[in-house]
Structure formats: structure tokens, C-alpha cells
């Protein structure tokens, strides 16, 4: 289990036990992305934490706002220059 220690610098230390092959995998990925191990792991952990929390976020709105939200979801997109340009673009996998 990770151990969290508070340092005098206002930052915490997180100690993890990790298998050598996983550490090697992380090190290779960190190097390829131009990050050190700590920055790579913290970025990945933060993204995973944000995703986990966003998947469970509940938005409470009044009935009028909810009705407007549903109406916008059900409405067809209004044609505009950007939409027309997107619809005419060749998909990257078709090039």
C-alpha cells in the first residue's frame, strides 16, 4: 500500500512498491514522452483520478435548465461554415 508522508516543502512523498518490469515499462514510456518517471506517473495518475471522478459527477439543475439541455440534445445541428467544412473534409484514415 502506498505511504504518504508530508514534507517541509509543502509537498508530499508517495512511496510505491513496484515490480521491475513495470518500472521498466514506465521508464521507457516516460523517456519517449520526454518526462522523468515522477512527472510521467503523476500525470497518468492525475488523469486517471480526474476520469474516475468525472464519470461519477452529478450535476443538479432546475427543471427549466434540464428541459433546455434535453431540447439542445434532441435538436439537429444548425448548419454553419465550420460544420460544412468538417463534413467535406477527408477523414485521416481515408487519405
PDB file of N, CA and C in Angstrom:
ATOM      1  N   UNK A   1       0.853  -1.174   0.000  1.00  0.00           N
ATOM      2  CA  UNK A   1       0.000   0.000   0.000  1.00  0.00           C
ATOM      3  C   UNK A   1       0.900   1.238   0.000  1.00  0.00           C
ATOM      4  N   UNK A   2       0.567   2.279  -0.794  1.00  0.00           N
ATOM      5  CA  UNK A   2       1.375   3.489  -0.836  1.00  0.00           C
ATOM      6  C   UNK A   2       1.415   4.185   0.522  1.00  0.00           C
ATOM      7  N   UNK A   3       2.543   4.778   0.796  1.00  0.00           N
ATOM      8  CA  UNK A   3       2.723   5.530   2.035  1.00  0.00           C
ATOM      9  C   UNK A   3       2.820   6.997   1.665  1.00  0.00           C
ATOM     10  N   UNK A   4       2.042   7.843   2.323  1.00  0.00           N
ATOM     11  CA  UNK A   4       2.047   9.265   2.053  1.00  0.00           C
ATOM     12  C   UNK A   4       2.684   9.985   3.228  1.00  0.00           C
ATOM     13  N   UNK A   5       3.738  10.757   2.957  1.00  0.00           N
ATOM     14  CA  UNK A   5       4.439  11.496   4.003  1.00  0.00           C
ATOM     15  C   UNK A   5       4.452  12.973   3.635  1.00  0.00           C
ATOM     16  N   UNK A   6       4.167  13.840   4.596  1.00  0.00           N
ATOM     17  CA  UNK A   6       4.199  15.274   4.346  1.00  0.00           C
ATOM     18  C   UNK A   6       5.608  15.793   4.567  1.00  0.00           C
ATOM     19  N   UNK A   7       6.117  16.520   3.591  1.00  0.00           N
ATOM     20  CA  UNK A   7       7.459  17.092   3.675  1.00  0.00           C
ATOM     21  C   UNK A   7       7.367  18.555   4.095  1.00  0.00           C
ATOM     22  N   UNK A   8       8.482  19.106   4.544  1.00  0.00           N
ATOM     23  CA  UNK A   8       8.520  20.505   4.972  1.00  0.00           C
ATOM     24  C   UNK A   8       8.303  21.458   3.805  1.00  0.00           C
ATOM     25  N   UNK A   9       8.552  21.013   2.591  1.00  0.00           N
ATOM     26  CA  UNK A   9       8.448  21.871   1.411  1.00  0.00           C
ATOM     27  C   UNK A   9       7.001  22.128   0.984  1.00  0.00           C
ATOM     28  N   UNK A  10       6.042  21.548   1.688  1.00  0.00           N
ATOM     29  CA  UNK A  10       4.647  21.711   1.295  1.00  0.00           C
ATOM     30  C   UNK A  10       4.232  20.679   0.265  1.00  0.00           C
ATOM     31  N   UNK A  11       5.095  19.759  -0.026  1.00  0.00           N
ATOM     32  CA  UNK A  11       4.786  18.681  -0.959  1.00  0.00           C
ATOM     33  C   UNK A  11       4.794  17.368  -0.184  1.00  0.00           C
ATOM     34  N   UNK A  12       4.103  16.379  -0.704  1.00  0.00           N
ATOM     35  CA  UNK A  12       4.049  15.068  -0.070  1.00  0.00           C
ATOM     36  C   UNK A  12       4.877  14.069  -0.861  1.00  0.00           C
ATOM     37  N   UNK A  13       5.302  13.038  -0.180  1.00  0.00           N
ATOM     38  CA  UNK A  13       6.035  11.947  -0.808  1.00  0.00           C
ATOM     39  C   UNK A  13       5.119  10.741  -0.875  1.00  0.00           C
ATOM     40  N   UNK A  14       5.104  10.079  -2.012  1.00  0.00           N
ATOM     41  CA  UNK A  14       4.301   8.893  -2.204  1.00  0.00           C
ATOM     42  C   UNK A  14       5.250   7.750  -2.545  1.00  0.00           C
ATOM     43  N   UNK A  15       5.350   6.765  -1.670  1.00  0.00           N
ATOM     44  CA  UNK A  15       6.242   5.628  -1.878  1.00  0.00           C
ATOM     45  C   UNK A  15       5.427   4.444  -2.368  1.00  0.00           C
ATOM     46  N   UNK A  16       5.909   3.806  -3.431  1.00  0.00           N
ATOM     47  CA  UNK A  16       5.211   2.662  -4.011  1.00  0.00           C
ATOM     48  C   UNK A  16       6.156   1.481  -4.153  1.00  0.00           C
ATOM     49  N   UNK A  17       5.632   0.292  -3.978  1.00  0.00           N
ATOM     50  CA  UNK A  17       6.385  -0.920  -4.293  1.00  0.00           C
ATOM     51  C   UNK A  17       5.972  -1.305  -5.710  1.00  0.00           C
ATOM     52  N   UNK A  18       6.959  -1.606  -6.540  1.00  0.00           N
ATOM     53  CA  UNK A  18       6.671  -1.850  -7.943  1.00  0.00           C
ATOM     54  C   UNK A  18       7.577  -2.953  -8.474  1.00  0.00           C
ATOM     55  N   UNK A  19       7.037  -3.784  -9.324  1.00  0.00           N
ATOM     56  CA  UNK A  19       7.827  -4.848  -9.935  1.00  0.00           C
ATOM     57  C   UNK A  19       8.783  -4.232 -10.952  1.00  0.00           C
ATOM     58  N   UNK A  20       9.973  -4.797 -11.090  1.00  0.00           N
ATOM     59  CA  UNK A  20      10.974  -4.248 -12.005  1.00  0.00           C
ATOM     60  C   UNK A  20      10.478  -4.103 -13.442  1.00  0.00           C
ATOM     61  N   UNK A  21       9.697  -5.075 -13.926  1.00  0.00           N
ATOM     62  CA  UNK A  21       9.229  -4.986 -15.315  1.00  0.00           C
ATOM     63  C   UNK A  21       8.248  -3.828 -15.502  1.00  0.00           C
ATOM     64  N   UNK A  22       7.438  -3.536 -14.495  1.00  0.00           N
ATOM     65  CA  UNK A  22       6.525  -2.402 -14.586  1.00  0.00           C
ATOM     66  C   UNK A  22       7.295  -1.092 -14.514  1.00  0.00           C
ATOM     67  N   UNK A  23       8.311  -1.046 -13.653  1.00  0.00           N
ATOM     68  CA  UNK A  23       9.145   0.160 -13.569  1.00  0.00           C
ATOM     69  C   UNK A  23       9.847   0.400 -14.911  1.00  0.00           C
ATOM     70  N   UNK A  24      10.325  -0.655 -15.534  1.00  0.00           N
ATOM     71  CA  UNK A  24      10.965  -0.516 -16.842  1.00  0.00           C
ATOM     72  C   UNK A  24      10.003  -0.004 -17.897  1.00  0.00           C
ATOM     73  N   UNK A  25       8.787  -0.518 -17.880  1.00  0.00           N
ATOM     74  CA  UNK A  25       7.762  -0.064 -18.815  1.00  0.00           C
ATOM     75  C   UNK A  25       7.482   1.420 -18.626  1.00  0.00           C
ATOM     76  N   UNK A  26       7.316   1.826 -17.381  1.00  0.00           N
ATOM     77  CA  UNK A  26       7.055   3.238 -17.071  1.00  0.00           C
ATOM     78  C   UNK A  26       8.243   4.098 -17.490  1.00  0.00           C
ATOM     79  N   UNK A  27       9.447   3.647 -17.207  1.00  0.00           N
ATOM     80  CA  UNK A  27      10.637   4.414 -17.581  1.00  0.00           C
ATOM     81  C   UNK A  27      10.743   4.592 -19.093  1.00  0.00           C
ATOM     82  N   UNK A  28      10.450   3.535 -19.846  1.00  0.00           N
ATOM     83  CA  UNK A  28      10.508   3.643 -21.312  1.00  0.00           C
ATOM     84  C   UNK A  28       9.463   4.632 -21.824  1.00  0.00           C
ATOM     85  N   UNK A  29       8.256   4.547 -21.286  1.00  0.00           N
ATOM     86  CA  UNK A  29       7.191   5.465 -21.712  1.00  0.00           C
ATOM     87  C   UNK A  29       7.520   6.901 -21.326  1.00  0.00           C
ATOM     88  N   UNK A  30       8.063   7.088 -20.135  1.00  0.00           N
ATOM     89  CA  UNK A  30       8.423   8.430 -19.688  1.00  0.00           C
ATOM     90  C   UNK A  30       9.484   9.020 -20.606  1.00  0.00           C
ATOM     91  N   UNK A  31      10.475   8.217 -20.949  1.00  0.00           N
ATOM     92  CA  UNK A  31      11.549   8.700 -21.824  1.00  0.00           C
ATOM     93  C   UNK A  31      11.003   9.079 -23.196  1.00  0.00           C
ATOM     94  N   UNK A  32      10.118   8.258 -23.732  1.00  0.00           N
ATOM     95  CA  UNK A  32       9.539   8.548 -25.051  1.00  0.00           C
ATOM     96  C   UNK A  32       8.707   9.820 -25.060  1.00  0.00           C
ATOM     97  N   UNK A  33       8.120  10.161 -23.920  1.00  0.00           N
ATOM     98  CA  UNK A  33       7.309  11.376 -23.841  1.00  0.00           C
ATOM     99  C   UNK A  33       8.088  12.578 -23.337  1.00  0.00           C
ATOM    100  N   UNK A  34       9.393  12.382 -23.089  1.00  0.00           N
ATOM    101  CA  UNK A  34      10.233  13.496 -22.653  1.00  0.00           C
ATOM    102  C   UNK A  34      10.018  13.901 -21.207  1.00  0.00           C
ATOM    103  N   UNK A  35       9.542  12.973 -20.394  1.00  0.00           N
ATOM    104  CA  UNK A  35       9.305  13.265 -18.979  1.00  0.00           C
ATOM    105  C   UNK A  35      10.176  12.378 -18.115  1.00  0.00           C
ATOM    106  N   UNK A  36      10.380  12.820 -16.881  1.00  0.00           N
ATOM    107  CA  UNK A  36      11.045  11.920 -15.938  1.00  0.00           C
ATOM    108  C   UNK A  36       9.973  10.997 -15.351  1.00  0.00           C
ATOM    109  N   UNK A  37      10.407   9.972 -14.643  1.00  0.00           N
ATOM    110  CA  UNK A  37       9.480   8.979 -14.107  1.00  0.00           C
ATOM    111  C   UNK A  37       8.417   9.618 -13.221  1.00  0.00           C
ATOM    112  N   UNK A  38       8.831  10.490 -12.325  1.00  0.00           N
ATOM    113  CA  UNK A  38       7.883  11.108 -11.400  1.00  0.00           C
ATOM    114  C   UNK A  38       6.814  11.898 -12.136  1.00  0.00           C
ATOM    115  N   UNK A  39       7.234  12.752 -13.070  1.00  0.00           N
ATOM    116  CA  UNK A  39       6.261  13.556 -13.811  1.00  0.00           C
ATOM    117  C   UNK A  39       5.322  12.672 -14.628  1.00  0.00           C
ATOM    118  N   UNK A  40       5.866  11.624 -15.231  1.00  0.00           N
ATOM    119  CA  UNK A  40       5.039  10.721 -16.029  1.00  0.00           C
ATOM    120  C   UNK A  40       3.980  10.035 -15.162  1.00  0.00           C
ATOM    121  N   UNK A  41       4.411   9.490 -14.030  1.00  0.00           N
ATOM    122  CA  UNK A  41       3.489   8.772 -13.142  1.00  0.00           C
ATOM    123  C   UNK A  41       2.450   9.730 -12.564  1.00  0.00           C
ATOM    124  N   UNK A  42       2.869  10.907 -12.144  1.00  0.00           N
ATOM    125  CA  UNK A  42       1.917  11.861 -11.575  1.00  0.00           C
ATOM    126  C   UNK A  42       0.895  12.322 -12.609  1.00  0.00           C
ATOM    127  N   UNK A  43       1.339  12.560 -13.844  1.00  0.00           N
ATOM    128  CA  UNK A  43       0.411  12.965 -14.892  1.00  0.00           C
ATOM    129  C   UNK A  43      -0.602  11.861 -15.172  1.00  0.00           C
ATOM    130  N   UNK A  44      -0.112  10.626 -15.292  1.00  0.00           N
ATOM    131  CA  UNK A  44      -1.002   9.494 -15.558  1.00  0.00           C
ATOM    132  C   UNK A  44      -1.979   9.281 -14.403  1.00  0.00           C
ATOM    133  N   UNK A  45      -1.487   9.385 -13.183  1.00  0.00           N
ATOM    134  CA  UNK A  45      -2.350   9.195 -12.008  1.00  0.00           C
ATOM    135  C   UNK A  45      -3.388  10.308 -11.914  1.00  0.00           C
ATOM    136  N   UNK A  46      -2.980  11.537 -12.195  1.00  0.00           N
ATOM    137  CA  UNK A  46      -3.925  12.654 -12.146  1.00  0.00           C
ATOM    138  C   UNK A  46      -5.017  12.470 -13.189  1.00  0.00           C
ATOM    139  N   UNK A  47      -4.645  12.087 -14.425  1.00  0.00           N
ATOM    140  CA  UNK A  47      -5.653  11.870 -15.471  1.00  0.00           C
ATOM    141  C   UNK A  47      -6.607  10.750 -15.085  1.00  0.00           C
ATOM    142  N   UNK A  48      -6.085   9.670 -14.531  1.00  0.00           N
ATOM    143  CA  UNK A  48      -6.943   8.562 -14.106  1.00  0.00           C
ATOM    144  C   UNK A  48      -7.886   9.004 -12.995  1.00  0.00           C
ATOM    145  N   UNK A  49      -7.383   9.796 -12.058  1.00  0.00           N
ATOM    146  CA  UNK A  49      -8.215  10.288 -10.955  1.00  0.00           C
ATOM    147  C   UNK A  49      -9.306  11.220 -11.476  1.00  0.00           C
ATOM    148  N   UNK A  50      -8.944  12.123 -12.384  1.00  0.00           N
ATOM    149  CA  UNK A  50      -9.936  13.042 -12.946  1.00  0.00           C
ATOM    150  C   UNK A  50     -11.012  12.277 -13.708  1.00  0.00           C
ATOM    151  N   UNK A  51     -10.596  11.293 -14.510  1.00  0.00           N
ATOM    152  CA  UNK A  51     -11.570  10.490 -15.259  1.00  0.00           C
ATOM    153  C   UNK A  51     -12.514   9.752 -14.316  1.00  0.00           C
ATOM    154  N   UNK A  52     -11.972   9.154 -13.267  1.00  0.00           N
ATOM    155  CA  UNK A  52     -12.795   8.423 -12.311  1.00  0.00           C
ATOM    156  C   UNK A  52     -13.801   9.346 -11.638  1.00  0.00           C
ATOM    157  N   UNK A  53     -13.367  10.545 -11.282  1.00  0.00           N
ATOM    158  CA  UNK A  53     -14.271  11.486 -10.617  1.00  0.00           C
ATOM    159  C   UNK A  53     -15.302  12.058 -11.581  1.00  0.00           C
ATOM    160  N   UNK A  54     -14.894  12.369 -12.807  1.00  0.00           N
ATOM    161  CA  UNK A  54     -15.834  12.938 -13.771  1.00  0.00           C
ATOM    162  C   UNK A  54     -16.916  11.933 -14.157  1.00  0.00           C
ATOM    163  N   UNK A  55     -16.568  10.645 -14.180  1.00  0.00           N
ATOM    164  CA  UNK A  55     -17.558   9.623 -14.501  1.00  0.00           C
ATOM    165  C   UNK A  55     -18.636   9.529 -13.432  1.00  0.00           C
ATOM    166  N   UNK A  56     -18.371  10.080 -12.256  1.00  0.00           N
ATOM    167  CA  UNK A  56     -19.314   9.960 -11.147  1.00  0.00           C
ATOM    168  C   UNK A  56     -19.843  11.313 -10.671  1.00  0.00           C
ATOM    169  N   UNK A  57     -19.641  12.337 -11.481  1.00  0.00           N
ATOM    170  CA  UNK A  57     -20.093  13.672 -11.109  1.00  0.00           C
ATOM    171  C   UNK A  57     -21.579  13.821 -11.424  1.00  0.00           C
ATOM    172  N   UNK A  58     -22.306  14.359 -10.485  1.00  0.00           N
ATOM    173  CA  UNK A  58     -23.734  14.599 -10.661  1.00  0.00           C
ATOM    174  C   UNK A  58     -23.946  16.108 -10.753  1.00  0.00           C
ATOM    175  N   UNK A  59     -24.662  16.515 -11.782  1.00  0.00           N
ATOM    176  CA  UNK A  59     -24.989  17.922 -11.949  1.00  0.00           C
ATOM    177  C   UNK A  59     -26.448  18.116 -11.586  1.00  0.00           C
ATOM    178  N   UNK A  60     -26.693  18.961 -10.613  1.00  0.00           N
ATOM    179  CA  UNK A  60     -28.061  19.251 -10.201  1.00  0.00           C
ATOM    180  C   UNK A  60     -28.472  20.588 -10.829  1.00  0.00           C
ATOM    181  N   UNK A  61     -29.555  20.551 -11.605  1.00  0.00           N
ATOM    182  CA  UNK A  61     -30.056  21.768 -12.241  1.00  0.00           C
ATOM    183  C   UNK A  61     -31.563  21.850 -12.027  1.00  0.00           C
ATOM    184  N   UNK A  62     -32.075  23.032 -12.207  1.00  0.00           N
ATOM    185  CA  UNK A  62     -33.517  23.203 -12.049  1.00  0.00           C
ATOM    186  C   UNK A  62     -34.246  22.617 -13.265  1.00  0.00           C
ATOM    187  N   UNK A  63     -35.528  22.368 -13.161  1.00  0.00           N
ATOM    188  CA  UNK A  63     -36.276  21.735 -14.253  1.00  0.00           C
ATOM    189  C   UNK A  63     -36.206  22.506 -15.576  1.00  0.00           C
ATOM    190  N   UNK A  64     -36.186  23.829 -15.514  1.00  0.00           N
ATOM    191  CA  UNK A  64     -36.124  24.627 -16.741  1.00  0.00           C
ATOM    192  C   UNK A  64     -34.782  24.410 -17.452  1.00  0.00           C
ATOM    193  N   UNK A  65     -33.689  24.439 -16.703  1.00  0.00           N
ATOM    194  CA  UNK A  65     -32.368  24.217 -17.292  1.00  0.00           C
ATOM    195  C   UNK A  65     -32.255  22.805 -17.861  1.00  0.00           C
ATOM    196  N   UNK A  66     -32.825  21.825 -17.169  1.00  0.00           N
ATOM    197  CA  UNK A  66     -32.777  20.451 -17.648  1.00  0.00           C
ATOM    198  C   UNK A  66     -33.575  20.291 -18.943  1.00  0.00           C
ATOM    199  N   UNK A  67     -34.719  20.924 -19.008  1.00  0.00           N
ATOM    200  CA  UNK A  67     -35.536  20.871 -20.225  1.00  0.00           C
ATOM    201  C   UNK A  67     -34.783  21.503 -21.392  1.00  0.00           C
ATOM    202  N   UNK A  68     -34.114  22.613 -21.150  1.00  0.00           N
ATOM    203  CA  UNK A  68     -33.314  23.271 -22.200  1.00  0.00           C
ATOM    204  C   UNK A  68     -32.172  22.361 -22.651  1.00  0.00           C
ATOM    205  N   UNK A  69     -31.533  21.689 -21.710  1.00  0.00           N
ATOM    206  CA  UNK A  69     -30.456  20.754 -22.020  1.00  0.00           C
ATOM    207  C   UNK A  69     -30.961  19.627 -22.914  1.00  0.00           C
ATOM    208  N   UNK A  70     -32.110  19.036 -22.545  1.00  0.00           N
ATOM    209  CA  UNK A  70     -32.678  17.964 -23.350  1.00  0.00           C
ATOM    210  C   UNK A  70     -33.071  18.450 -24.741  1.00  0.00           C
ATOM    211  N   UNK A  71     -33.614  19.660 -24.824  1.00  0.00           N
ATOM    212  CA  UNK A  71     -34.003  20.211 -26.122  1.00  0.00           C
ATOM    213  C   UNK A  71     -32.777  20.392 -27.020  1.00  0.00           C
ATOM    214  N   UNK A  72     -31.684  20.839 -26.435  1.00  0.00           N
ATOM    215  CA  UNK A  72     -30.453  21.014 -27.239  1.00  0.00           C
ATOM    216  C   UNK A  72     -29.885  19.672 -27.685  1.00  0.00           C
ATOM    217  N   UNK A  73     -30.003  18.663 -26.844  1.00  0.00           N
ATOM    218  CA  UNK A  73     -29.534  17.336 -27.245  1.00  0.00           C
ATOM    219  C   UNK A  73     -30.362  16.782 -28.395  1.00  0.00           C
ATOM    220  N   UNK A  74     -31.658  17.019 -28.354  1.00  0.00           N
ATOM    221  CA  UNK A  74     -32.553  16.489 -29.373  1.00  0.00           C
ATOM    222  C   UNK A  74     -32.531  17.289 -30.676  1.00  0.00           C
ATOM    223  N   UNK A  75     -32.100  18.531 -30.621  1.00  0.00           N
ATOM    224  CA  UNK A  75     -32.120  19.395 -31.801  1.00  0.00           C
ATOM    225  C   UNK A  75     -31.030  18.987 -32.792  1.00  0.00           C
ATOM    226  N   UNK A  76     -31.368  19.070 -34.058  1.00  0.00           N
ATOM    227  CA  UNK A  76     -30.374  18.799 -35.103  1.00  0.00           C
ATOM    228  C   UNK A  76     -29.351  19.933 -35.118  1.00  0.00           C
ATOM    229  N   UNK A  77     -28.122  19.637 -35.460  1.00  0.00           N
ATOM    230  CA  UNK A  77     -27.120  20.705 -35.517  1.00  0.00           C
ATOM    231  C   UNK A  77     -27.477  21.713 -36.603  1.00  0.00           C
ATOM    232  N   UNK A  78     -27.267  22.964 -36.294  1.00  0.00           N
ATOM    233  CA  UNK A  78     -27.560  24.018 -37.256  1.00  0.00           C
ATOM    234  C   UNK A  78     -26.378  24.159 -38.213  1.00  0.00           C
ATOM    235  N   UNK A  79     -26.632  24.102 -39.503  1.00  0.00           N
ATOM    236  CA  UNK A  79     -25.530  24.234 -40.463  1.00  0.00           C
ATOM    237  C   UNK A  79     -24.801  25.565 -40.284  1.00  0.00           C
ATOM    238  N   UNK A  80     -23.490  25.486 -40.344  1.00  0.00           N
ATOM    239  CA  UNK A  80     -22.659  26.681 -40.297  1.00  0.00           C
ATOM    240  C   UNK A  80     -21.391  26.372 -41.076  1.00  0.00           C
ATOM    241  N   UNK A  81     -20.562  27.381 -41.277  1.00  0.00           N
ATOM    242  CA  UNK A  81     -19.362  27.216 -42.104  1.00  0.00           C
ATOM    243  C   UNK A  81     -18.442  26.129 -41.564  1.00  0.00           C
ATOM    244  N   UNK A  82     -18.264  26.097 -40.270  1.00  0.00           N
ATOM    245  CA  UNK A  82     -17.354  25.105 -39.688  1.00  0.00           C
ATOM    246  C   UNK A  82     -17.886  23.686 -39.866  1.00  0.00           C
ATOM    247  N   UNK A  83     -19.184  23.498 -39.660  1.00  0.00           N
ATOM    248  CA  UNK A  83     -19.790  22.186 -39.845  1.00  0.00           C
ATOM    249  C   UNK A  83     -19.691  21.756 -41.306  1.00  0.00           C
ATOM    250  N   UNK A  84     -19.976  22.673 -42.234  1.00  0.00           N
ATOM    251  CA  UNK A  84     -19.877  22.334 -43.658  1.00  0.00           C
ATOM    252  C   UNK A  84     -18.450  21.936 -44.032  1.00  0.00           C
ATOM    253  N   UNK A  85     -17.474  22.665 -43.519  1.00  0.00           N
ATOM    254  CA  UNK A  85     -16.066  22.362 -43.788  1.00  0.00           C
ATOM    255  C   UNK A  85     -15.702  20.986 -43.227  1.00  0.00           C
ATOM    256  N   UNK A  86     -16.174  20.686 -42.024  1.00  0.00           N
ATOM    257  CA  UNK A  86     -15.892  19.384 -41.414  1.00  0.00           C
ATOM    258  C   UNK A  86     -16.506  18.248 -42.224  1.00  0.00           C
ATOM    259  N   UNK A  87     -17.723  18.451 -42.706  1.00  0.00           N
ATOM    260  CA  UNK A  87     -18.405  17.402 -43.458  1.00  0.00           C
ATOM    261  C   UNK A  87     -17.741  17.149 -44.802  1.00  0.00           C
ATOM    262  N   UNK A  88     -17.057  18.140 -45.364  1.00  0.00           N
ATOM    263  CA  UNK A  88     -16.383  17.987 -46.661  1.00  0.00           C
ATOM    264  C   UNK A  88     -14.959  17.445 -46.516  1.00  0.00           C
ATOM    265  N   UNK A  89     -14.422  17.498 -45.318  1.00  0.00           N
ATOM    266  CA  UNK A  89     -13.030  17.068 -45.099  1.00  0.00           C
ATOM    267  C   UNK A  89     -12.903  15.566 -45.270  1.00  0.00           C
ATOM    268  N   UNK A  90     -11.769  15.164 -45.799  1.00  0.00           N
ATOM    269  CA  UNK A  90     -11.459  13.747 -45.942  1.00  0.00           C
ATOM    270  C   UNK A  90     -10.916  13.243 -44.603  1.00  0.00           C
ATOM    271  N   UNK A  91     -11.471  12.140 -44.149  1.00  0.00           N
ATOM    272  CA  UNK A  91     -11.016  11.562 -42.870  1.00  0.00           C
ATOM    273  C   UNK A  91      -9.551  11.146 -42.999  1.00  0.00           C
ATOM    274  N   UNK A  92      -8.766  11.295 -41.925  1.00  0.00           N
ATOM    275  CA  UNK A  92      -7.348  10.944 -41.998  1.00  0.00           C
ATOM    276  C   UNK A  92      -7.087   9.509 -42.442  1.00  0.00           C
ATOM    277  N   UNK A  93      -7.961   8.577 -42.090  1.00  0.00           N
ATOM    278  CA  UNK A  93      -7.761   7.178 -42.453  1.00  0.00           C
ATOM    279  C   UNK A  93      -8.141   6.896 -43.918  1.00  0.00           C
ATOM    280  N   UNK A  94      -8.765   7.891 -44.570  1.00  0.00           N
ATOM    281  CA  UNK A  94      -9.128   7.735 -45.984  1.00  0.00           C
ATOM    282  C   UNK A  94      -8.108   8.375 -46.908  1.00  0.00           C
ATOM    283  N   UNK A  95      -7.125   9.024 -46.375  1.00  0.00           N
ATOM    284  CA  UNK A  95      -6.101   9.684 -47.193  1.00  0.00           C
ATOM    285  C   UNK A  95      -5.095   8.704 -47.721  1.00  0.00           C
TER     286      UNK A  95
END
